[in-house]
Structure formats: C-alpha cells, structure tokens
Amino acid sequence: MILTGDFMFKNTLDNKRYYTLNYFYRKKFNSKVFKVSLNGGFTCPNKDGTVSTNGCIFCSKLGSGDFAGDKDKDLVTQFNEVKTILHKKWPNAKYIAYFQANTNTYASVDELKKKFEPIIKLDNVVGLNIATRSDAISDEVLDYLTDLNKRTYLTIELGLQSMHNKTLKLINRGHDLKNFEECFKKLKQRNINVVVHIINGLPYETKEMMIETAKYLNKLKIDGIKIHMLHIIKNTTLENMYKENPFHILTKEEYIDIVINQLEYLNEDIVINRITGDPVKEDLIEPAWLLKKFVVLNDIDKEMKKRNTYQGIKAK
C-alpha cells in the first residue's frame, strides 16, 4: 500500500516512484556518477553482412550512438573531452565509460582489450557499460568479460526491443527471443550485470504486447532496463516504411500509460536506467513530443502520483 502525505519512496533521491539510476550509483559508489558515451568504432553483424546489411529498421547511421564521441578521435581523447565539461560542475564525480555506438563486443578479444583496458585505468573510472547484441558475444569474449567483471563494475546492455518474434522479424533484428535468452543466461551464470533495452511503439504492437515484454523480463530477473519510445529518424528503413504505409505512433499520453503499466510489473529491485528517449532534433520525423524529455518525465511522475501507484505494485 502506498502511503500518502510526506511518505518517501525508497530507491530514489527525489521521491520518484521507481528505482532511479542516480540513486543506485549514489548508494553503490557514494558519489555523483556520470556515464561518458564513447564511440569505439565498432561495426555490427546486422550491418556488415554476417546477419544482414540493412541493420534494424530504426537504426541511425551512427548505430544508435548519436550522442557518443567522435570515432575519428582516440578513446582517451573522447573521454577527456566529456569529462572536462562535467568536471567543472562536479569536480568530485566518478565516471562510467559507456561504449554505446553499434555492437561493442563484435571483435576479437585482442581488439576489445585495446579499447577497454586504457579506459578503465583512467582516474575515477569506476565502471564500464558495453552496449551489444545477444548474437555478438562469443565464448572467448564471454571469458574476457568475466575477467573484466572482476576488475571493474561491468554492465552489459543487451538490446532486445520486444519479446515478440514477429516484431523482431519485422524490425530486422536478426535474432530471435531464444538467442537473447540463451545469451542472457550465460551472462548471469558469470554474475555479470545485465541491463536490457526495450522500445515501446514498435509497428503494430499493442499495449498488451508491450506490457508482456516487461512481464517477461521481470521473470528473467534482469538487473536493469532502458525503456525507449520508438522515434522515426531520417535516412532509415523505418522512415521509408512509415512514408509508404503509415502506422500508429504513440501519443505522449499513450506512452506514459504504457510505461507506468510496465513499471508496475517490474520488481522493485530492477534499476530503471532510462524511461524515455533522446532523439536528435534535426533528424527527427516523429513524434515531436519526444523532444520535450523533461515534460515527459514530469508527466510520468504526475500520472503515477495521480494513480497512487509505483514500481513493482503488480509484480507479485
């Protein structure tokens, strides 16, 4: 039961009704922690012909790394450019290096070491987040990740997007749910932290289907989740699909309703790493409301309060 009045929710520093990443980092590292997005110059098996040459239908030319660093600069330079800006405001902050663009385990172990090892040795780098795909972690790479996990706070961010195989096929994901599940289990057997990405509003998915994805991930006992809203950007297969045969784009109100329902079915110990998206304004086609990130976040808070609900209320 939710208490009213001055009741403070746990797992949050600002009385959110879900487990915030900021609270998680503060509790774990006793410090302000920032993610520094990096571009390691990786490619993707869904682009280089191993699986497909077209990539996921929503993927940008930067491989979903629109806010990562410049791949033409070395990684330490990328890191220091961001760190210098943040350091002025939070001089005592610590950092998580986030390899974001494309598939960041899609290389030999020797190549991965050249990219990861110099970064985790930098001052005040307390962890490493690696965004990747479930079909791009070989057994040799898995062994290396296991070693990394002993030396730094490692998080593998696995893109799933939807639990529904017909959706995965439609978006040209290049793998099915079984492949994701097998990879997830291998990572958890090695005690590696896993954050899963999902997208709400994928073509022809219903509200019930999106909630089913959250329920499925809750049963897997994931460590964290990133919830995105599908956005159509220029020069993608999704743009062409939308122009040729327009499908329904979630309204802000529909998105908020679905997110709240998903949060209700996620255990209270799952860290909510992200709850909305960050499209590049110049590239965005739809939906325009997604550009107002803080409005979306605030409206989620207001609606959860209005409904007198919170993360995990339906999880059991």
C-alpha atoms as a PDB file:
ATOM      1  CA  MET A   1       0.000   0.000   0.000  1.00  0.00           C
ATOM      2  CA  ILE A   2       1.236   3.477  -0.818  1.00  0.00           C
ATOM      3  CA  LEU A   3       1.246   5.962   1.997  1.00  0.00           C
ATOM      4  CA  THR A   4       0.135   9.488   1.289  1.00  0.00           C
ATOM      5  CA  GLY A   5       1.345  12.819   2.585  1.00  0.00           C
ATOM      6  CA  ASP A   6       5.101  13.041   3.218  1.00  0.00           C
ATOM      7  CA  PHE A   7       5.852   9.377   2.547  1.00  0.00           C
ATOM      8  CA  MET A   8       9.226   8.929   0.822  1.00  0.00           C
ATOM      9  CA  PHE A   9       9.732   6.141  -1.655  1.00  0.00           C
ATOM     10  CA  LYS A  10      12.873   4.052  -1.379  1.00  0.00           C
ATOM     11  CA  ASN A  11      15.438   3.688  -4.162  1.00  0.00           C
ATOM     12  CA  THR A  12      15.201   7.334  -5.144  1.00  0.00           C
ATOM     13  CA  LEU A  13      16.768  10.630  -4.106  1.00  0.00           C
ATOM     14  CA  ASP A  14      13.933  12.804  -5.422  1.00  0.00           C
ATOM     15  CA  ASN A  15      10.854  10.775  -4.453  1.00  0.00           C
ATOM     16  CA  LYS A  16      10.345   9.130  -7.827  1.00  0.00           C
ATOM     17  CA  ARG A  17       8.037   6.149  -7.714  1.00  0.00           C
ATOM     18  CA  TYR A  18      10.599   3.903  -9.404  1.00  0.00           C
ATOM     19  CA  TYR A  19      14.184   2.787  -8.771  1.00  0.00           C
ATOM     20  CA  THR A  20      16.327   5.537 -10.255  1.00  0.00           C
ATOM     21  CA  LEU A  21      19.797   5.028 -11.696  1.00  0.00           C
ATOM     22  CA  ASN A  22      21.056   8.119  -9.891  1.00  0.00           C
ATOM     23  CA  TYR A  23      20.072   6.587  -6.550  1.00  0.00           C
ATOM     24  CA  PHE A  24      21.682   3.265  -7.473  1.00  0.00           C
ATOM     25  CA  TYR A  25      25.009   4.906  -8.323  1.00  0.00           C
ATOM     26  CA  ARG A  26      24.963   7.138  -5.236  1.00  0.00           C
ATOM     27  CA  LYS A  27      24.366   4.158  -2.999  1.00  0.00           C
ATOM     28  CA  LYS A  28      26.962   1.956  -4.705  1.00  0.00           C
ATOM     29  CA  PHE A  29      29.769   4.482  -5.181  1.00  0.00           C
ATOM     30  CA  ASN A  30      28.900   7.101  -2.543  1.00  0.00           C
ATOM     31  CA  SER A  31      29.381   9.782  -5.183  1.00  0.00           C
ATOM     32  CA  LYS A  32      27.828  11.509  -8.150  1.00  0.00           C
ATOM     33  CA  VAL A  33      28.423   9.236 -11.152  1.00  0.00           C
ATOM     34  CA  PHE A  34      28.182  10.102 -14.838  1.00  0.00           C
ATOM     35  CA  LYS A  35      28.189   7.990 -17.940  1.00  0.00           C
ATOM     36  CA  VAL A  36      30.641   9.108 -20.603  1.00  0.00           C
ATOM     37  CA  SER A  37      29.438   7.922 -24.023  1.00  0.00           C
ATOM     38  CA  LEU A  38      32.190   6.682 -26.321  1.00  0.00           C
ATOM     39  CA  ASN A  39      32.386   5.524 -29.918  1.00  0.00           C
ATOM     40  CA  GLY A  40      34.789   2.614 -30.222  1.00  0.00           C
ATOM     41  CA  GLY A  41      34.498   2.420 -33.986  1.00  0.00           C
ATOM     42  CA  PHE A  42      32.797  -0.971 -33.902  1.00  0.00           C
ATOM     43  CA  THR A  43      30.556  -2.303 -36.642  1.00  0.00           C
ATOM     44  CA  CYS A  44      27.559  -4.639 -36.319  1.00  0.00           C
ATOM     45  CA  PRO A  45      26.799  -8.170 -37.577  1.00  0.00           C
ATOM     46  CA  ASN A  46      23.429  -6.830 -38.673  1.00  0.00           C
ATOM     47  CA  LYS A  47      25.165  -4.359 -40.987  1.00  0.00           C
ATOM     48  CA  ASP A  48      28.352  -5.997 -42.256  1.00  0.00           C
ATOM     49  CA  GLY A  49      26.633  -8.924 -43.957  1.00  0.00           C
ATOM     50  CA  THR A  50      27.142 -11.542 -41.242  1.00  0.00           C
ATOM     51  CA  VAL A  51      23.438 -11.375 -40.363  1.00  0.00           C
ATOM     52  CA  SER A  52      22.181  -8.624 -42.655  1.00  0.00           C
ATOM     53  CA  THR A  53      23.365  -5.498 -44.429  1.00  0.00           C
ATOM     54  CA  ASN A  54      20.390  -3.309 -43.580  1.00  0.00           C
ATOM     55  CA  GLY A  55      20.538  -3.213 -39.779  1.00  0.00           C
ATOM     56  CA  CYS A  56      17.498  -2.739 -37.573  1.00  0.00           C
ATOM     57  CA  ILE A  57      14.901  -0.622 -39.340  1.00  0.00           C
ATOM     58  CA  PHE A  58      15.174   2.197 -36.775  1.00  0.00           C
ATOM     59  CA  CYS A  59      18.972   2.333 -36.526  1.00  0.00           C
ATOM     60  CA  SER A  60      20.694   5.621 -37.426  1.00  0.00           C
ATOM     61  CA  LYS A  61      23.848   5.905 -39.482  1.00  0.00           C
ATOM     62  CA  LEU A  62      25.732   6.254 -36.203  1.00  0.00           C
ATOM     63  CA  GLY A  63      24.452   2.915 -34.925  1.00  0.00           C
ATOM     64  CA  SER A  64      22.290   4.348 -32.130  1.00  0.00           C
ATOM     65  CA  GLY A  65      25.324   6.263 -30.902  1.00  0.00           C
ATOM     66  CA  ASP A  66      24.144   9.745 -31.813  1.00  0.00           C
ATOM     67  CA  PHE A  67      25.413  11.147 -28.524  1.00  0.00           C
ATOM     68  CA  ALA A  68      28.603   9.088 -28.380  1.00  0.00           C
ATOM     69  CA  GLY A  69      32.037  10.508 -29.132  1.00  0.00           C
ATOM     70  CA  ASP A  70      33.742  11.120 -32.438  1.00  0.00           C
ATOM     71  CA  LYS A  71      35.065   7.781 -33.715  1.00  0.00           C
ATOM     72  CA  ASP A  72      37.872   9.591 -35.531  1.00  0.00           C
ATOM     73  CA  LYS A  73      39.360  10.574 -32.174  1.00  0.00           C
ATOM     74  CA  ASP A  74      41.086   8.102 -29.871  1.00  0.00           C
ATOM     75  CA  LEU A  75      39.028   6.899 -26.938  1.00  0.00           C
ATOM     76  CA  VAL A  76      41.008   8.635 -24.210  1.00  0.00           C
ATOM     77  CA  THR A  77      40.574  11.961 -26.041  1.00  0.00           C
ATOM     78  CA  GLN A  78      36.841  11.313 -26.398  1.00  0.00           C
ATOM     79  CA  PHE A  79      36.603  10.542 -22.706  1.00  0.00           C
ATOM     80  CA  ASN A  80      38.574  13.573 -21.555  1.00  0.00           C
ATOM     81  CA  GLU A  81      36.555  15.973 -23.705  1.00  0.00           C
ATOM     82  CA  VAL A  82      33.357  14.975 -21.920  1.00  0.00           C
ATOM     83  CA  LYS A  83      34.978  14.647 -18.516  1.00  0.00           C
ATOM     84  CA  THR A  84      36.426  18.180 -18.703  1.00  0.00           C
ATOM     85  CA  ILE A  85      32.962  19.652 -19.162  1.00  0.00           C
ATOM     86  CA  LEU A  86      31.383  17.633 -16.347  1.00  0.00           C
ATOM     87  CA  HIS A  87      34.325  18.149 -14.012  1.00  0.00           C
ATOM     88  CA  LYS A  88      33.702  21.904 -13.892  1.00  0.00           C
ATOM     89  CA  LYS A  89      30.299  21.381 -12.291  1.00  0.00           C
ATOM     90  CA  TRP A  90      31.000  18.209 -10.296  1.00  0.00           C
ATOM     91  CA  PRO A  91      34.738  18.111  -9.507  1.00  0.00           C
ATOM     92  CA  ASN A  92      34.390  15.065  -7.261  1.00  0.00           C
ATOM     93  CA  ALA A  93      32.314  12.969  -9.626  1.00  0.00           C
ATOM     94  CA  LYS A  94      33.147   9.459 -10.737  1.00  0.00           C
ATOM     95  CA  TYR A  95      32.608   8.036 -14.198  1.00  0.00           C
ATOM     96  CA  ILE A  96      31.184   5.062 -16.051  1.00  0.00           C
ATOM     97  CA  ALA A  97      32.640   4.615 -19.533  1.00  0.00           C
ATOM     98  CA  TYR A  98      29.781   3.787 -21.896  1.00  0.00           C
ATOM     99  CA  PHE A  99      30.607   2.132 -25.202  1.00  0.00           C
ATOM    100  CA  GLN A 100      27.390   3.000 -26.972  1.00  0.00           C
ATOM    101  CA  ALA A 101      27.573   3.053 -30.776  1.00  0.00           C
ATOM    102  CA  ASN A 102      26.915  -0.146 -32.759  1.00  0.00           C
ATOM    103  CA  THR A 103      27.864  -3.568 -31.291  1.00  0.00           C
ATOM    104  CA  ASN A 104      30.653  -3.248 -28.770  1.00  0.00           C
ATOM    105  CA  THR A 105      31.585  -6.900 -28.301  1.00  0.00           C
ATOM    106  CA  TYR A 106      31.725  -7.617 -32.018  1.00  0.00           C
ATOM    107  CA  ALA A 107      35.503  -8.008 -32.302  1.00  0.00           C
ATOM    108  CA  SER A 108      38.352 -10.251 -31.212  1.00  0.00           C
ATOM    109  CA  VAL A 109      39.391 -10.278 -27.581  1.00  0.00           C
ATOM    110  CA  ASP A 110      42.685  -8.584 -28.519  1.00  0.00           C
ATOM    111  CA  GLU A 111      40.789  -5.748 -30.189  1.00  0.00           C
ATOM    112  CA  LEU A 112      38.429  -5.372 -27.239  1.00  0.00           C
ATOM    113  CA  LYS A 113      41.364  -5.163 -24.849  1.00  0.00           C
ATOM    114  CA  LYS A 114      42.909  -2.338 -26.894  1.00  0.00           C
ATOM    115  CA  LYS A 115      39.707  -0.348 -26.487  1.00  0.00           C
ATOM    116  CA  PHE A 116      38.542  -1.210 -22.968  1.00  0.00           C
ATOM    117  CA  GLU A 117      41.736  -1.552 -20.937  1.00  0.00           C
ATOM    118  CA  PRO A 118      43.104   2.042 -21.325  1.00  0.00           C
ATOM    119  CA  ILE A 119      39.716   3.480 -20.359  1.00  0.00           C
ATOM    120  CA  ILE A 120      39.157   1.504 -17.156  1.00  0.00           C
ATOM    121  CA  LYS A 121      42.621   2.607 -15.965  1.00  0.00           C
ATOM    122  CA  LEU A 122      41.730   6.311 -16.120  1.00  0.00           C
ATOM    123  CA  ASP A 123      41.304   8.215 -12.850  1.00  0.00           C
ATOM    124  CA  ASN A 124      37.860   7.952 -11.261  1.00  0.00           C
ATOM    125  CA  VAL A 125      36.515   5.499 -13.826  1.00  0.00           C
ATOM    126  CA  VAL A 126      34.568   3.083 -11.656  1.00  0.00           C
ATOM    127  CA  GLY A 127      32.790   1.046 -14.283  1.00  0.00           C
ATOM    128  CA  LEU A 128      32.222   0.045 -17.856  1.00  0.00           C
ATOM    129  CA  ASN A 129      28.925  -0.208 -19.733  1.00  0.00           C
ATOM    130  CA  ILE A 130      29.025  -2.120 -23.011  1.00  0.00           C
ATOM    131  CA  ALA A 131      26.085  -1.972 -25.435  1.00  0.00           C
ATOM    132  CA  THR A 132      25.806  -5.060 -27.614  1.00  0.00           C
ATOM    133  CA  ARG A 133      23.624  -7.754 -29.170  1.00  0.00           C
ATOM    134  CA  SER A 134      22.866 -11.253 -27.943  1.00  0.00           C
ATOM    135  CA  ASP A 135      24.282 -12.778 -31.139  1.00  0.00           C
ATOM    136  CA  ALA A 136      27.616 -10.974 -30.854  1.00  0.00           C
ATOM    137  CA  ILE A 137      29.237 -12.388 -27.707  1.00  0.00           C
ATOM    138  CA  SER A 138      31.493 -15.340 -28.491  1.00  0.00           C
ATOM    139  CA  ASP A 139      32.647 -17.754 -25.792  1.00  0.00           C
ATOM    140  CA  GLU A 140      36.122 -16.165 -25.911  1.00  0.00           C
ATOM    141  CA  VAL A 141      34.625 -12.715 -25.435  1.00  0.00           C
ATOM    142  CA  LEU A 142      32.457 -14.046 -22.625  1.00  0.00           C
ATOM    143  CA  ASP A 143      35.583 -15.268 -20.832  1.00  0.00           C
ATOM    144  CA  TYR A 144      37.153 -11.824 -21.224  1.00  0.00           C
ATOM    145  CA  LEU A 145      34.012 -10.114 -19.908  1.00  0.00           C
ATOM    146  CA  THR A 146      34.143 -12.421 -16.897  1.00  0.00           C
ATOM    147  CA  ASP A 147      37.678 -11.242 -16.204  1.00  0.00           C
ATOM    148  CA  LEU A 148      36.687  -7.591 -16.693  1.00  0.00           C
ATOM    149  CA  ASN A 149      33.851  -8.068 -14.243  1.00  0.00           C
ATOM    150  CA  LYS A 150      36.382  -8.915 -11.526  1.00  0.00           C
ATOM    151  CA  ARG A 151      38.314  -5.693 -12.115  1.00  0.00           C
ATOM    152  CA  THR A 152      35.637  -3.061 -12.684  1.00  0.00           C
ATOM    153  CA  TYR A 153      31.890  -2.589 -12.322  1.00  0.00           C
ATOM    154  CA  LEU A 154      30.788  -4.118 -15.611  1.00  0.00           C
ATOM    155  CA  THR A 155      27.341  -3.817 -17.150  1.00  0.00           C
ATOM    156  CA  ILE A 156      26.330  -5.422 -20.426  1.00  0.00           C
ATOM    157  CA  GLU A 157      23.481  -3.589 -22.142  1.00  0.00           C
ATOM    158  CA  LEU A 158      21.593  -6.049 -24.334  1.00  0.00           C
ATOM    159  CA  GLY A 159      19.203  -4.797 -26.968  1.00  0.00           C
ATOM    160  CA  LEU A 160      16.025  -6.848 -27.136  1.00  0.00           C
ATOM    161  CA  GLN A 161      13.372  -4.243 -28.080  1.00  0.00           C
ATOM    162  CA  SER A 162      10.472  -6.726 -27.910  1.00  0.00           C
ATOM    163  CA  MET A 163       9.856 -10.271 -26.696  1.00  0.00           C
ATOM    164  CA  HIS A 164       7.650 -10.978 -29.721  1.00  0.00           C
ATOM    165  CA  ASN A 165       9.397 -12.846 -32.521  1.00  0.00           C
ATOM    166  CA  LYS A 166       7.088 -11.466 -35.196  1.00  0.00           C
ATOM    167  CA  THR A 167       8.112  -7.959 -34.161  1.00  0.00           C
ATOM    168  CA  LEU A 168      11.797  -8.905 -34.099  1.00  0.00           C
ATOM    169  CA  LYS A 169      11.424 -10.179 -37.651  1.00  0.00           C
ATOM    170  CA  LEU A 170       9.569  -7.053 -38.748  1.00  0.00           C
ATOM    171  CA  ILE A 171      12.252  -4.715 -37.405  1.00  0.00           C
ATOM    172  CA  ASN A 172      15.004  -6.884 -38.946  1.00  0.00           C
ATOM    173  CA  ARG A 173      16.547  -7.538 -35.559  1.00  0.00           C
ATOM    174  CA  GLY A 174      18.477 -10.512 -36.902  1.00  0.00           C
ATOM    175  CA  HIS A 175      17.973 -12.794 -33.907  1.00  0.00           C
ATOM    176  CA  ASP A 176      15.031 -14.296 -32.064  1.00  0.00           C
ATOM    177  CA  LEU A 177      13.953 -14.394 -28.437  1.00  0.00           C
ATOM    178  CA  LYS A 178      15.628 -17.747 -27.825  1.00  0.00           C
ATOM    179  CA  ASN A 179      19.006 -16.334 -28.835  1.00  0.00           C
ATOM    180  CA  PHE A 180      18.540 -13.399 -26.452  1.00  0.00           C
ATOM    181  CA  GLU A 181      17.517 -15.663 -23.598  1.00  0.00           C
ATOM    182  CA  GLU A 182      20.476 -18.012 -24.064  1.00  0.00           C
ATOM    183  CA  CYS A 183      22.922 -15.093 -24.058  1.00  0.00           C
ATOM    184  CA  PHE A 184      21.290 -13.550 -21.005  1.00  0.00           C
ATOM    185  CA  LYS A 185      21.586 -16.809 -19.064  1.00  0.00           C
ATOM    186  CA  LYS A 186      25.267 -17.156 -19.970  1.00  0.00           C
ATOM    187  CA  LEU A 187      25.975 -13.645 -18.695  1.00  0.00           C
ATOM    188  CA  LYS A 188      24.092 -14.180 -15.449  1.00  0.00           C
ATOM    189  CA  GLN A 189      25.871 -17.503 -14.864  1.00  0.00           C
ATOM    190  CA  ARG A 190      29.052 -15.404 -14.839  1.00  0.00           C
ATOM    191  CA  ASN A 191      27.455 -12.931 -12.394  1.00  0.00           C
ATOM    192  CA  ILE A 192      27.608 -10.145 -14.963  1.00  0.00           C
ATOM    193  CA  ASN A 193      25.163  -7.259 -14.550  1.00  0.00           C
ATOM    194  CA  VAL A 194      22.691  -7.029 -17.457  1.00  0.00           C
ATOM    195  CA  VAL A 195      20.543  -4.068 -18.499  1.00  0.00           C
ATOM    196  CA  VAL A 196      18.008  -4.727 -21.256  1.00  0.00           C
ATOM    197  CA  HIS A 197      16.755  -2.208 -23.838  1.00  0.00           C
ATOM    198  CA  ILE A 198      13.136  -2.270 -24.994  1.00  0.00           C
ATOM    199  CA  ILE A 199      11.215   0.004 -27.357  1.00  0.00           C
ATOM    200  CA  ASN A 200       7.582   0.975 -26.971  1.00  0.00           C
ATOM    201  CA  GLY A 201       5.555   1.848 -30.040  1.00  0.00           C
ATOM    202  CA  LEU A 202       7.124  -0.603 -32.487  1.00  0.00           C
ATOM    203  CA  PRO A 203       4.918  -1.014 -35.586  1.00  0.00           C
ATOM    204  CA  TYR A 204       1.674  -2.899 -34.967  1.00  0.00           C
ATOM    205  CA  GLU A 205       2.404  -3.795 -31.358  1.00  0.00           C
ATOM    206  CA  THR A 206      -0.484  -3.367 -28.937  1.00  0.00           C
ATOM    207  CA  LYS A 207      -0.337  -2.029 -25.410  1.00  0.00           C
ATOM    208  CA  GLU A 208      -0.781  -5.593 -24.148  1.00  0.00           C
ATOM    209  CA  MET A 209       2.199  -6.812 -26.188  1.00  0.00           C
ATOM    210  CA  MET A 210       4.447  -4.096 -24.749  1.00  0.00           C
ATOM    211  CA  ILE A 211       3.376  -4.949 -21.209  1.00  0.00           C
ATOM    212  CA  GLU A 212       4.048  -8.638 -21.933  1.00  0.00           C
ATOM    213  CA  THR A 213       7.648  -7.734 -22.793  1.00  0.00           C
ATOM    214  CA  ALA A 214       8.054  -6.096 -19.377  1.00  0.00           C
ATOM    215  CA  LYS A 215       6.487  -9.088 -17.624  1.00  0.00           C
ATOM    216  CA  TYR A 216       8.818 -11.457 -19.488  1.00  0.00           C
ATOM    217  CA  LEU A 217      11.910  -9.503 -18.479  1.00  0.00           C
ATOM    218  CA  ASN A 218      10.716  -9.365 -14.897  1.00  0.00           C
ATOM    219  CA  LYS A 219      10.567 -13.169 -14.803  1.00  0.00           C
ATOM    220  CA  LEU A 220      14.131 -13.316 -16.141  1.00  0.00           C
ATOM    221  CA  LYS A 221      15.235 -11.202 -13.169  1.00  0.00           C
ATOM    222  CA  ILE A 222      17.129  -8.606 -15.168  1.00  0.00           C
ATOM    223  CA  ASP A 223      19.259  -6.108 -13.247  1.00  0.00           C
ATOM    224  CA  GLY A 224      18.093  -3.019 -15.081  1.00  0.00           C
ATOM    225  CA  ILE A 225      16.050  -1.780 -18.001  1.00  0.00           C
ATOM    226  CA  LYS A 226      16.089   1.050 -20.516  1.00  0.00           C
ATOM    227  CA  ILE A 227      12.652   1.948 -21.869  1.00  0.00           C
ATOM    228  CA  HIS A 228      12.655   3.855 -25.149  1.00  0.00           C
ATOM    229  CA  MET A 229       9.939   5.355 -27.305  1.00  0.00           C
ATOM    230  CA  LEU A 230      10.156   4.470 -30.991  1.00  0.00           C
ATOM    231  CA  HIS A 231      11.143   7.523 -32.972  1.00  0.00           C
ATOM    232  CA  ILE A 232      11.390   7.798 -36.708  1.00  0.00           C
ATOM    233  CA  ILE A 233      14.528   9.482 -37.929  1.00  0.00           C
ATOM    234  CA  LYS A 234      15.695  10.494 -41.358  1.00  0.00           C
ATOM    235  CA  ASN A 235      17.521   8.138 -43.706  1.00  0.00           C
ATOM    236  CA  THR A 236      16.362   4.909 -42.079  1.00  0.00           C
ATOM    237  CA  THR A 237      14.376   1.948 -43.314  1.00  0.00           C
ATOM    238  CA  LEU A 238      11.739   2.900 -40.754  1.00  0.00           C
ATOM    239  CA  GLU A 239      11.302   6.287 -42.420  1.00  0.00           C
ATOM    240  CA  ASN A 240      10.593   4.617 -45.745  1.00  0.00           C
ATOM    241  CA  MET A 241       8.206   2.157 -44.123  1.00  0.00           C
ATOM    242  CA  TYR A 242       6.298   4.962 -42.410  1.00  0.00           C
ATOM    243  CA  LYS A 243       6.008   7.030 -45.578  1.00  0.00           C
ATOM    244  CA  GLU A 244       4.806   4.094 -47.672  1.00  0.00           C
ATOM    245  CA  ASN A 245       2.378   2.654 -45.136  1.00  0.00           C
ATOM    246  CA  PRO A 246       1.897   4.922 -42.086  1.00  0.00           C
ATOM    247  CA  PHE A 247       1.377   3.101 -38.805  1.00  0.00           C
ATOM    248  CA  HIS A 248       0.171   4.462 -35.483  1.00  0.00           C
ATOM    249  CA  ILE A 249       2.694   6.488 -33.484  1.00  0.00           C
ATOM    250  CA  LEU A 250       2.014   6.502 -29.765  1.00  0.00           C
ATOM    251  CA  THR A 251       0.809   9.790 -28.336  1.00  0.00           C
ATOM    252  CA  LYS A 252       2.573  11.096 -25.263  1.00  0.00           C
ATOM    253  CA  GLU A 253      -0.410  10.068 -23.151  1.00  0.00           C
ATOM    254  CA  GLU A 254      -0.414   6.537 -24.578  1.00  0.00           C
ATOM    255  CA  TYR A 255       3.314   6.198 -23.991  1.00  0.00           C
ATOM    256  CA  ILE A 256       3.047   7.376 -20.378  1.00  0.00           C
ATOM    257  CA  ASP A 257       0.198   4.947 -19.723  1.00  0.00           C
ATOM    258  CA  ILE A 258       2.189   2.019 -21.126  1.00  0.00           C
ATOM    259  CA  VAL A 259       5.370   2.920 -19.223  1.00  0.00           C
ATOM    260  CA  ILE A 260       3.502   3.133 -15.940  1.00  0.00           C
ATOM    261  CA  ASN A 261       1.903  -0.253 -16.557  1.00  0.00           C
ATOM    262  CA  GLN A 262       5.327  -1.718 -17.350  1.00  0.00           C
ATOM    263  CA  LEU A 263       6.830  -0.264 -14.181  1.00  0.00           C
ATOM    264  CA  GLU A 264       4.034  -1.782 -12.126  1.00  0.00           C
ATOM    265  CA  TYR A 265       5.024  -5.257 -13.371  1.00  0.00           C
ATOM    266  CA  LEU A 266       8.764  -4.802 -12.777  1.00  0.00           C
ATOM    267  CA  ASN A 267      10.180  -5.890  -9.416  1.00  0.00           C
ATOM    268  CA  GLU A 268      11.203  -3.013  -7.189  1.00  0.00           C
ATOM    269  CA  ASP A 269      14.877  -4.068  -7.282  1.00  0.00           C
ATOM    270  CA  ILE A 270      15.191  -3.587 -11.069  1.00  0.00           C
ATOM    271  CA  VAL A 271      17.038  -0.331 -11.750  1.00  0.00           C
ATOM    272  CA  ILE A 272      15.270   1.927 -14.251  1.00  0.00           C
ATOM    273  CA  ASN A 273      18.204   3.188 -16.293  1.00  0.00           C
ATOM    274  CA  ARG A 274      16.102   5.130 -18.775  1.00  0.00           C
ATOM    275  CA  ILE A 275      12.426   5.856 -19.186  1.00  0.00           C
ATOM    276  CA  THR A 276      12.272   7.950 -22.359  1.00  0.00           C
ATOM    277  CA  GLY A 277      14.373   8.715 -25.412  1.00  0.00           C
ATOM    278  CA  ASP A 278      16.762  11.418 -26.635  1.00  0.00           C
ATOM    279  CA  PRO A 279      16.254  11.960 -30.370  1.00  0.00           C
ATOM    280  CA  VAL A 280      18.416  14.365 -32.359  1.00  0.00           C
ATOM    281  CA  LYS A 281      16.095  17.260 -33.246  1.00  0.00           C
ATOM    282  CA  GLU A 282      17.486  17.778 -36.740  1.00  0.00           C
ATOM    283  CA  ASP A 283      16.950  14.120 -37.667  1.00  0.00           C
ATOM    284  CA  LEU A 284      13.576  13.535 -36.018  1.00  0.00           C
ATOM    285  CA  ILE A 285      10.454  12.947 -38.107  1.00  0.00           C
ATOM    286  CA  GLU A 286       8.038  11.635 -35.471  1.00  0.00           C
ATOM    287  CA  PRO A 287       6.947  12.033 -32.688  1.00  0.00           C
ATOM    288  CA  ALA A 288       7.669  15.705 -31.978  1.00  0.00           C
ATOM    289  CA  TRP A 289       6.574  15.404 -28.354  1.00  0.00           C
ATOM    290  CA  LEU A 290       9.619  13.255 -27.619  1.00  0.00           C
ATOM    291  CA  LEU A 291      11.855  16.325 -27.880  1.00  0.00           C
ATOM    292  CA  LYS A 292      10.420  17.592 -24.591  1.00  0.00           C
ATOM    293  CA  LYS A 293      12.182  14.990 -22.457  1.00  0.00           C
ATOM    294  CA  PHE A 294      11.672  16.646 -19.084  1.00  0.00           C
ATOM    295  CA  VAL A 295       7.991  17.237 -19.801  1.00  0.00           C
ATOM    296  CA  VAL A 296       7.609  13.502 -20.432  1.00  0.00           C
ATOM    297  CA  LEU A 297       9.489  12.634 -17.244  1.00  0.00           C
ATOM    298  CA  ASN A 298       7.456  15.065 -15.167  1.00  0.00           C
ATOM    299  CA  ASP A 299       4.189  13.856 -16.646  1.00  0.00           C
ATOM    300  CA  ILE A 300       5.105  10.259 -15.779  1.00  0.00           C
ATOM    301  CA  ASP A 301       5.693  11.361 -12.180  1.00  0.00           C
ATOM    302  CA  LYS A 302       2.400  13.260 -12.060  1.00  0.00           C
ATOM    303  CA  GLU A 303       0.395  10.383 -13.514  1.00  0.00           C
ATOM    304  CA  MET A 304       1.934   7.839 -11.139  1.00  0.00           C
ATOM    305  CA  LYS A 305       1.037  10.061  -8.225  1.00  0.00           C
ATOM    306  CA  LYS A 306      -2.463  10.558  -9.597  1.00  0.00           C
ATOM    307  CA  ARG A 307      -2.920   6.797  -9.898  1.00  0.00           C
ATOM    308  CA  ASN A 308      -1.359   6.249  -6.479  1.00  0.00           C
ATOM    309  CA  THR A 309       0.945   3.606  -7.959  1.00  0.00           C
ATOM    310  CA  TYR A 310       4.632   2.675  -8.014  1.00  0.00           C
ATOM    311  CA  GLN A 311       7.168   0.244  -9.484  1.00  0.00           C
ATOM    312  CA  GLY A 312       6.514  -3.367  -8.546  1.00  0.00           C
ATOM    313  CA  ILE A 313       2.984  -2.956  -7.237  1.00  0.00           C
ATOM    314  CA  LYS A 314       1.756  -5.718  -9.597  1.00  0.00           C
ATOM    315  CA  ALA A 315       4.992  -7.697  -9.836  1.00  0.00           C
ATOM    316  CA  LYS A 316       3.982 -10.276  -7.263  1.00  0.00           C
END
